[in-house]
N, C-alpha and C. Protein backbone atom coordinates (compact mmCIF):
# COMPACT_ATOMS: atom_id res chain seq x y z
N MET A 1 98.08 87.19 100.02
CA MET A 1 98.99 88.33 100.05
C MET A 1 99.97 88.19 98.90
N ASN A 2 100.19 89.29 98.19
CA ASN A 2 101.13 89.32 97.07
C ASN A 2 102.15 90.41 97.27
N LYS A 3 103.40 90.11 96.95
CA LYS A 3 104.45 91.13 96.96
C LYS A 3 104.43 91.77 95.58
N ILE A 4 104.28 93.10 95.54
CA ILE A 4 104.20 93.76 94.24
C ILE A 4 105.40 94.64 93.96
N GLN A 5 106.28 94.84 94.94
CA GLN A 5 107.51 95.60 94.71
C GLN A 5 108.57 95.14 95.68
N GLY A 6 109.81 95.06 95.20
CA GLY A 6 110.93 94.66 96.04
C GLY A 6 111.69 95.85 96.58
N GLN A 7 112.89 95.58 97.06
CA GLN A 7 113.70 96.59 97.74
C GLN A 7 114.13 97.71 96.80
N GLU A 8 114.11 98.93 97.35
CA GLU A 8 114.56 100.12 96.62
C GLU A 8 115.21 101.07 97.61
N LEU A 9 116.44 101.51 97.31
CA LEU A 9 117.11 102.50 98.14
C LEU A 9 116.48 103.85 97.87
N ILE A 10 115.95 104.48 98.92
CA ILE A 10 115.29 105.78 98.77
C ILE A 10 116.24 106.92 99.10
N TYR A 11 117.07 106.72 100.12
CA TYR A 11 117.95 107.80 100.56
C TYR A 11 119.22 107.22 101.17
N VAL A 12 120.34 107.86 100.87
CA VAL A 12 121.59 107.61 101.56
C VAL A 12 122.28 108.96 101.69
N GLY A 13 122.67 109.30 102.91
CA GLY A 13 123.31 110.59 103.12
C GLY A 13 123.51 110.90 104.59
N PRO A 14 124.08 112.08 104.85
CA PRO A 14 124.45 112.42 106.22
C PRO A 14 123.33 113.02 107.07
N ASP A 15 122.23 113.41 106.47
CA ASP A 15 121.25 114.21 107.20
C ASP A 15 120.03 113.41 107.60
N GLN A 16 119.96 113.03 108.86
CA GLN A 16 118.81 112.30 109.37
C GLN A 16 117.56 113.18 109.34
N GLY A 17 117.69 114.47 109.63
CA GLY A 17 116.56 115.39 109.62
C GLY A 17 115.89 115.48 108.26
N PHE A 18 116.69 115.42 107.21
CA PHE A 18 116.14 115.46 105.85
C PHE A 18 115.18 114.29 105.62
N VAL A 19 115.58 113.13 106.09
CA VAL A 19 114.76 111.93 105.90
C VAL A 19 113.43 112.07 106.63
N PHE A 20 113.47 112.61 107.84
CA PHE A 20 112.24 112.76 108.62
C PHE A 20 111.23 113.65 107.90
N ASP A 21 111.70 114.63 107.16
CA ASP A 21 110.81 115.55 106.46
C ASP A 21 110.39 115.06 105.07
N MET A 22 111.00 113.97 104.61
CA MET A 22 110.66 113.44 103.28
C MET A 22 109.21 113.01 103.23
N LYS A 23 108.58 113.29 102.13
CA LYS A 23 107.23 112.75 101.90
C LYS A 23 107.40 111.51 101.03
N LEU A 24 106.80 110.43 101.48
CA LEU A 24 106.97 109.17 100.79
C LEU A 24 105.91 109.00 99.71
N GLU A 25 106.28 108.28 98.68
CA GLU A 25 105.38 108.12 97.54
C GLU A 25 104.33 107.06 97.81
N ASN A 26 103.25 107.50 98.42
CA ASN A 26 102.05 106.69 98.54
C ASN A 26 100.91 107.68 98.42
N ASN A 27 99.72 107.22 98.35
CA ASN A 27 98.59 108.12 98.09
C ASN A 27 98.39 109.18 99.16
N GLN A 28 98.83 108.93 100.37
CA GLN A 28 98.65 109.90 101.45
C GLN A 28 99.78 110.92 101.52
N ASN A 29 100.90 110.64 100.84
CA ASN A 29 102.06 111.54 100.85
C ASN A 29 102.52 111.85 102.27
N GLU A 30 102.57 110.84 103.13
CA GLU A 30 102.94 111.01 104.54
C GLU A 30 104.42 111.31 104.69
N LYS A 31 104.75 112.14 105.67
CA LYS A 31 106.14 112.36 106.01
C LYS A 31 106.67 111.12 106.72
N PHE A 32 107.92 110.79 106.49
CA PHE A 32 108.51 109.60 107.09
C PHE A 32 108.52 109.70 108.61
N LEU A 33 108.64 110.90 109.16
CA LEU A 33 108.62 111.07 110.61
C LEU A 33 107.32 110.53 111.20
N TYR A 34 106.19 110.74 110.52
CA TYR A 34 104.90 110.22 110.99
C TYR A 34 104.95 108.70 111.06
N ILE A 35 105.53 108.09 110.06
CA ILE A 35 105.61 106.62 110.02
C ILE A 35 106.49 106.10 111.16
N ILE A 36 107.64 106.74 111.39
CA ILE A 36 108.53 106.32 112.47
C ILE A 36 107.83 106.45 113.83
N GLU A 37 107.14 107.53 114.04
CA GLU A 37 106.51 107.77 115.33
C GLU A 37 105.33 106.83 115.59
N ASN A 38 104.68 106.33 114.56
CA ASN A 38 103.43 105.62 114.74
C ASN A 38 103.40 104.17 114.28
N ASN A 39 104.40 103.71 113.56
CA ASN A 39 104.26 102.41 112.90
C ASN A 39 105.51 101.54 112.98
N SER A 40 105.94 101.20 114.18
CA SER A 40 107.04 100.26 114.34
C SER A 40 106.60 98.89 113.82
N PHE A 41 107.49 98.17 113.19
CA PHE A 41 107.15 96.89 112.59
C PHE A 41 106.55 95.92 113.60
N LYS A 42 107.01 95.96 114.85
CA LYS A 42 106.50 94.98 115.83
C LYS A 42 105.01 95.15 116.07
N ASN A 43 104.43 96.30 115.75
CA ASN A 43 102.99 96.51 115.92
C ASN A 43 102.17 96.06 114.72
N LEU A 44 102.84 95.70 113.63
CA LEU A 44 102.12 95.28 112.43
C LEU A 44 101.30 94.01 112.66
N LYS A 45 101.79 93.12 113.52
CA LYS A 45 101.06 91.87 113.75
C LYS A 45 99.69 92.08 114.37
N GLU A 46 99.45 93.27 114.92
CA GLU A 46 98.13 93.61 115.45
C GLU A 46 97.18 94.13 114.36
N LYS A 47 97.72 94.45 113.19
CA LYS A 47 96.94 95.07 112.13
C LYS A 47 96.58 94.11 110.99
N ILE A 48 97.33 93.01 110.88
CA ILE A 48 97.10 92.06 109.79
C ILE A 48 96.99 90.65 110.37
N SER A 49 96.63 89.71 109.54
CA SER A 49 96.53 88.32 110.01
C SER A 49 97.91 87.78 110.36
N ILE A 50 97.96 86.81 111.24
CA ILE A 50 99.22 86.19 111.62
C ILE A 50 99.88 85.51 110.42
N GLU A 51 99.05 84.96 109.52
CA GLU A 51 99.59 84.31 108.32
C GLU A 51 100.32 85.33 107.44
N ASP A 52 99.71 86.50 107.25
CA ASP A 52 100.35 87.54 106.44
C ASP A 52 101.61 88.06 107.12
N PHE A 53 101.58 88.21 108.44
CA PHE A 53 102.75 88.67 109.18
C PHE A 53 103.91 87.68 109.01
N ILE A 54 103.62 86.40 109.14
CA ILE A 54 104.65 85.37 108.98
C ILE A 54 105.17 85.35 107.54
N PHE A 55 104.28 85.55 106.56
CA PHE A 55 104.69 85.59 105.15
C PHE A 55 105.71 86.71 104.94
N ILE A 56 105.41 87.89 105.43
CA ILE A 56 106.32 89.05 105.27
C ILE A 56 107.63 88.77 106.00
N LYS A 57 107.55 88.26 107.20
CA LYS A 57 108.74 87.98 108.00
C LYS A 57 109.67 87.01 107.27
N LYS A 58 109.11 85.96 106.69
CA LYS A 58 109.92 85.00 105.95
C LYS A 58 110.44 85.59 104.64
N ASP A 59 109.59 86.33 103.93
CA ASP A 59 109.96 86.89 102.64
C ASP A 59 111.16 87.84 102.76
N LEU A 60 111.18 88.65 103.80
CA LEU A 60 112.26 89.63 103.96
C LEU A 60 113.37 89.18 104.91
N HIS A 61 113.29 87.92 105.38
CA HIS A 61 114.28 87.39 106.32
C HIS A 61 114.38 88.27 107.57
N ILE A 62 113.23 88.53 108.16
CA ILE A 62 113.15 89.36 109.35
C ILE A 62 113.23 88.47 110.59
N LEU A 63 114.06 88.88 111.53
CA LEU A 63 114.24 88.16 112.77
C LEU A 63 113.70 88.97 113.94
N HIS A 64 113.08 88.29 114.89
CA HIS A 64 112.77 88.93 116.17
C HIS A 64 114.07 88.99 116.95
N GLY A 65 114.19 89.94 117.86
CA GLY A 65 115.42 90.09 118.64
C GLY A 65 115.87 88.82 119.32
N THR A 66 114.93 87.98 119.74
CA THR A 66 115.28 86.72 120.41
C THR A 66 115.74 85.64 119.43
N GLU A 67 115.68 85.92 118.14
CA GLU A 67 116.15 84.96 117.13
C GLU A 67 117.53 85.31 116.59
N THR A 68 118.10 86.41 117.08
CA THR A 68 119.38 86.89 116.54
C THR A 68 120.57 86.18 117.20
N ARG A 69 121.69 86.23 116.52
CA ARG A 69 122.93 85.68 117.05
C ARG A 69 123.33 86.42 118.32
N GLU A 70 123.11 87.73 118.33
CA GLU A 70 123.44 88.55 119.50
C GLU A 70 122.70 88.05 120.75
N PHE A 71 121.41 87.75 120.60
CA PHE A 71 120.64 87.26 121.74
C PHE A 71 121.21 85.94 122.25
N LYS A 72 121.53 85.04 121.35
CA LYS A 72 122.07 83.73 121.75
C LYS A 72 123.39 83.89 122.51
N GLU A 73 124.24 84.82 122.04
CA GLU A 73 125.50 85.08 122.73
C GLU A 73 125.25 85.71 124.10
N ASP A 74 124.32 86.65 124.16
CA ASP A 74 123.99 87.32 125.43
C ASP A 74 123.36 86.36 126.42
N LEU A 75 122.61 85.40 125.91
CA LEU A 75 121.98 84.40 126.77
C LEU A 75 123.06 83.53 127.43
N LYS A 76 124.05 83.12 126.64
CA LYS A 76 125.15 82.30 127.17
C LYS A 76 125.96 83.04 128.21
N SER A 77 126.19 84.34 127.97
CA SER A 77 127.04 85.12 128.87
C SER A 77 126.30 85.68 130.08
N GLY A 78 124.98 85.52 130.12
CA GLY A 78 124.21 86.00 131.27
C GLY A 78 123.70 87.43 131.15
N ILE A 79 123.98 88.08 130.06
CA ILE A 79 123.54 89.48 129.88
C ILE A 79 122.01 89.56 129.82
N VAL A 80 121.36 88.57 129.23
CA VAL A 80 119.90 88.58 129.12
C VAL A 80 119.25 88.68 130.50
N LYS A 81 119.80 87.99 131.48
CA LYS A 81 119.27 88.06 132.84
C LYS A 81 119.39 89.48 133.39
N GLU A 82 120.48 90.16 133.06
CA GLU A 82 120.72 91.50 133.58
C GLU A 82 119.80 92.54 132.95
N VAL A 83 119.62 92.49 131.63
CA VAL A 83 118.85 93.53 130.94
C VAL A 83 117.38 93.16 130.76
N GLY A 84 117.06 91.88 130.85
CA GLY A 84 115.69 91.42 130.66
C GLY A 84 115.39 91.11 129.21
N LYS A 85 114.48 90.17 129.02
CA LYS A 85 114.14 89.71 127.67
C LYS A 85 113.43 90.80 126.86
N GLU A 86 112.75 91.74 127.56
CA GLU A 86 112.05 92.82 126.84
C GLU A 86 113.01 93.67 126.00
N PHE A 87 114.27 93.73 126.41
CA PHE A 87 115.29 94.49 125.68
C PHE A 87 115.41 93.98 124.23
N TYR A 88 115.04 92.74 124.00
CA TYR A 88 115.19 92.11 122.69
C TYR A 88 113.87 92.07 121.92
N ASP A 89 112.91 92.88 122.32
CA ASP A 89 111.60 92.91 121.66
C ASP A 89 111.63 93.89 120.49
N TYR A 90 112.29 93.49 119.43
CA TYR A 90 112.39 94.29 118.21
C TYR A 90 112.52 93.33 117.04
N TYR A 91 112.40 93.89 115.85
CA TYR A 91 112.57 93.11 114.62
C TYR A 91 113.61 93.79 113.75
N GLU A 92 114.38 92.99 113.02
CA GLU A 92 115.34 93.54 112.08
C GLU A 92 115.51 92.56 110.92
N ILE A 93 115.89 93.11 109.79
CA ILE A 93 116.22 92.25 108.65
C ILE A 93 117.55 91.60 108.96
N GLU A 94 117.63 90.33 108.71
CA GLU A 94 118.75 89.50 109.15
C GLU A 94 120.13 90.13 108.94
N LYS A 95 120.36 90.79 107.84
CA LYS A 95 121.71 91.26 107.55
C LYS A 95 121.88 92.78 107.59
N SER A 96 120.86 93.53 107.98
CA SER A 96 121.00 94.98 107.86
C SER A 96 121.09 95.74 109.18
N ASN A 97 120.49 95.24 110.25
CA ASN A 97 120.44 95.93 111.55
C ASN A 97 119.73 97.27 111.49
N LEU A 98 118.92 97.52 110.48
CA LEU A 98 118.17 98.76 110.39
C LEU A 98 116.80 98.57 111.05
N SER A 99 116.26 99.64 111.59
CA SER A 99 114.93 99.59 112.19
C SER A 99 113.87 99.46 111.11
N LEU A 100 112.80 98.74 111.44
CA LEU A 100 111.73 98.47 110.47
C LEU A 100 110.45 99.21 110.83
N PHE A 101 109.79 99.70 109.79
CA PHE A 101 108.54 100.44 109.95
C PHE A 101 107.58 100.04 108.84
N TYR A 102 106.29 100.28 109.07
CA TYR A 102 105.30 99.93 108.06
C TYR A 102 104.33 101.09 107.87
N TYR A 103 103.65 101.04 106.75
CA TYR A 103 102.56 101.98 106.48
C TYR A 103 101.49 101.21 105.72
N ILE A 104 100.26 101.24 106.21
CA ILE A 104 99.16 100.57 105.52
C ILE A 104 98.34 101.63 104.79
N GLU A 105 98.18 101.43 103.50
CA GLU A 105 97.44 102.38 102.68
C GLU A 105 96.06 101.82 102.36
N LYS A 106 95.04 102.45 102.91
CA LYS A 106 93.65 102.13 102.62
C LYS A 106 93.32 100.64 102.73
N ASP A 107 93.91 99.97 103.71
CA ASP A 107 93.67 98.53 103.92
C ASP A 107 93.92 97.69 102.67
N THR A 108 94.74 98.20 101.76
CA THR A 108 95.01 97.51 100.51
C THR A 108 96.49 97.16 100.34
N TYR A 109 97.37 98.10 100.68
CA TYR A 109 98.81 97.91 100.50
C TYR A 109 99.55 98.13 101.82
N ILE A 110 100.59 97.33 102.02
CA ILE A 110 101.50 97.53 103.14
C ILE A 110 102.86 97.90 102.56
N TYR A 111 103.36 99.05 102.98
CA TYR A 111 104.70 99.50 102.61
C TYR A 111 105.61 99.21 103.80
N LEU A 112 106.74 98.55 103.55
CA LEU A 112 107.71 98.26 104.62
C LEU A 112 108.99 99.02 104.34
N TYR A 113 109.46 99.74 105.36
CA TYR A 113 110.65 100.56 105.26
C TYR A 113 111.67 100.13 106.29
N SER A 114 112.95 100.26 105.94
CA SER A 114 114.02 100.11 106.93
C SER A 114 114.82 101.39 106.92
N PHE A 115 115.27 101.78 108.11
CA PHE A 115 115.96 103.06 108.24
C PHE A 115 116.93 102.99 109.41
N GLY A 116 118.07 103.65 109.25
CA GLY A 116 119.01 103.76 110.36
C GLY A 116 120.36 104.27 109.93
N GLU A 117 121.21 104.40 110.92
CA GLU A 117 122.58 104.87 110.72
C GLU A 117 123.44 103.65 110.42
N VAL A 118 124.09 103.63 109.25
CA VAL A 118 124.89 102.48 108.86
C VAL A 118 126.38 102.68 109.15
N GLN A 119 126.79 103.93 109.24
CA GLN A 119 128.13 104.34 109.65
C GLN A 119 127.94 105.66 110.38
N PRO A 120 128.91 106.10 111.15
CA PRO A 120 128.73 107.40 111.80
C PRO A 120 128.33 108.48 110.78
N CYS A 121 127.20 109.12 111.04
CA CYS A 121 126.67 110.21 110.20
C CYS A 121 126.28 109.79 108.79
N LEU A 122 126.03 108.52 108.57
CA LEU A 122 125.57 108.05 107.26
C LEU A 122 124.30 107.24 107.46
N TYR A 123 123.20 107.76 106.93
CA TYR A 123 121.88 107.15 107.11
C TYR A 123 121.39 106.56 105.80
N LYS A 124 120.64 105.47 105.93
CA LYS A 124 120.01 104.87 104.76
C LYS A 124 118.54 104.62 105.04
N LEU A 125 117.74 104.83 104.00
CA LEU A 125 116.32 104.55 104.04
C LEU A 125 115.99 103.68 102.83
N TYR A 126 115.41 102.52 103.09
CA TYR A 126 115.00 101.60 102.03
C TYR A 126 113.49 101.41 102.07
N LEU A 127 112.91 101.28 100.91
CA LEU A 127 111.60 100.68 100.80
C LEU A 127 111.90 99.20 100.63
N GLU A 128 111.56 98.39 101.62
CA GLU A 128 111.89 96.97 101.57
C GLU A 128 110.93 96.18 100.72
N GLY A 129 109.70 96.63 100.65
CA GLY A 129 108.73 95.92 99.84
C GLY A 129 107.36 96.52 99.98
N VAL A 130 106.53 96.24 98.97
CA VAL A 130 105.13 96.63 98.99
C VAL A 130 104.33 95.35 98.80
N TYR A 131 103.35 95.16 99.68
CA TYR A 131 102.54 93.95 99.66
C TYR A 131 101.08 94.33 99.51
N GLU A 132 100.38 93.55 98.67
CA GLU A 132 98.96 93.76 98.48
C GLU A 132 98.21 92.79 99.39
N LEU A 133 97.33 93.32 100.19
CA LEU A 133 96.55 92.48 101.12
C LEU A 133 95.44 91.74 100.39
């Protein structure tokens, strides 16, 4: 697996709806809404080898919810028992708290995106990286 592109800010602004209608620059020209609805990062491990998944996770400093500082604090305070461990079944880039999504193009390239609200009414969309399988 090779990383062929690093992080790029695609959008920053107040309109979440605009982002959903954006067509992303890949050969399929998919709308970002399609990617959000169908390709959560946690499902990527079912599509690629575990070695490639771990490579991407380490390369982008991605943490599973149970690896975060928040989980450790909630575990100490007993909140984990109340909400259940499934509540922490997500992935995030260590310092961004944005949701992660992927798009696989023709079994050749994996595009990784992060998206979310960073301040009230301020959304950001990043292309986190492109990897060649």
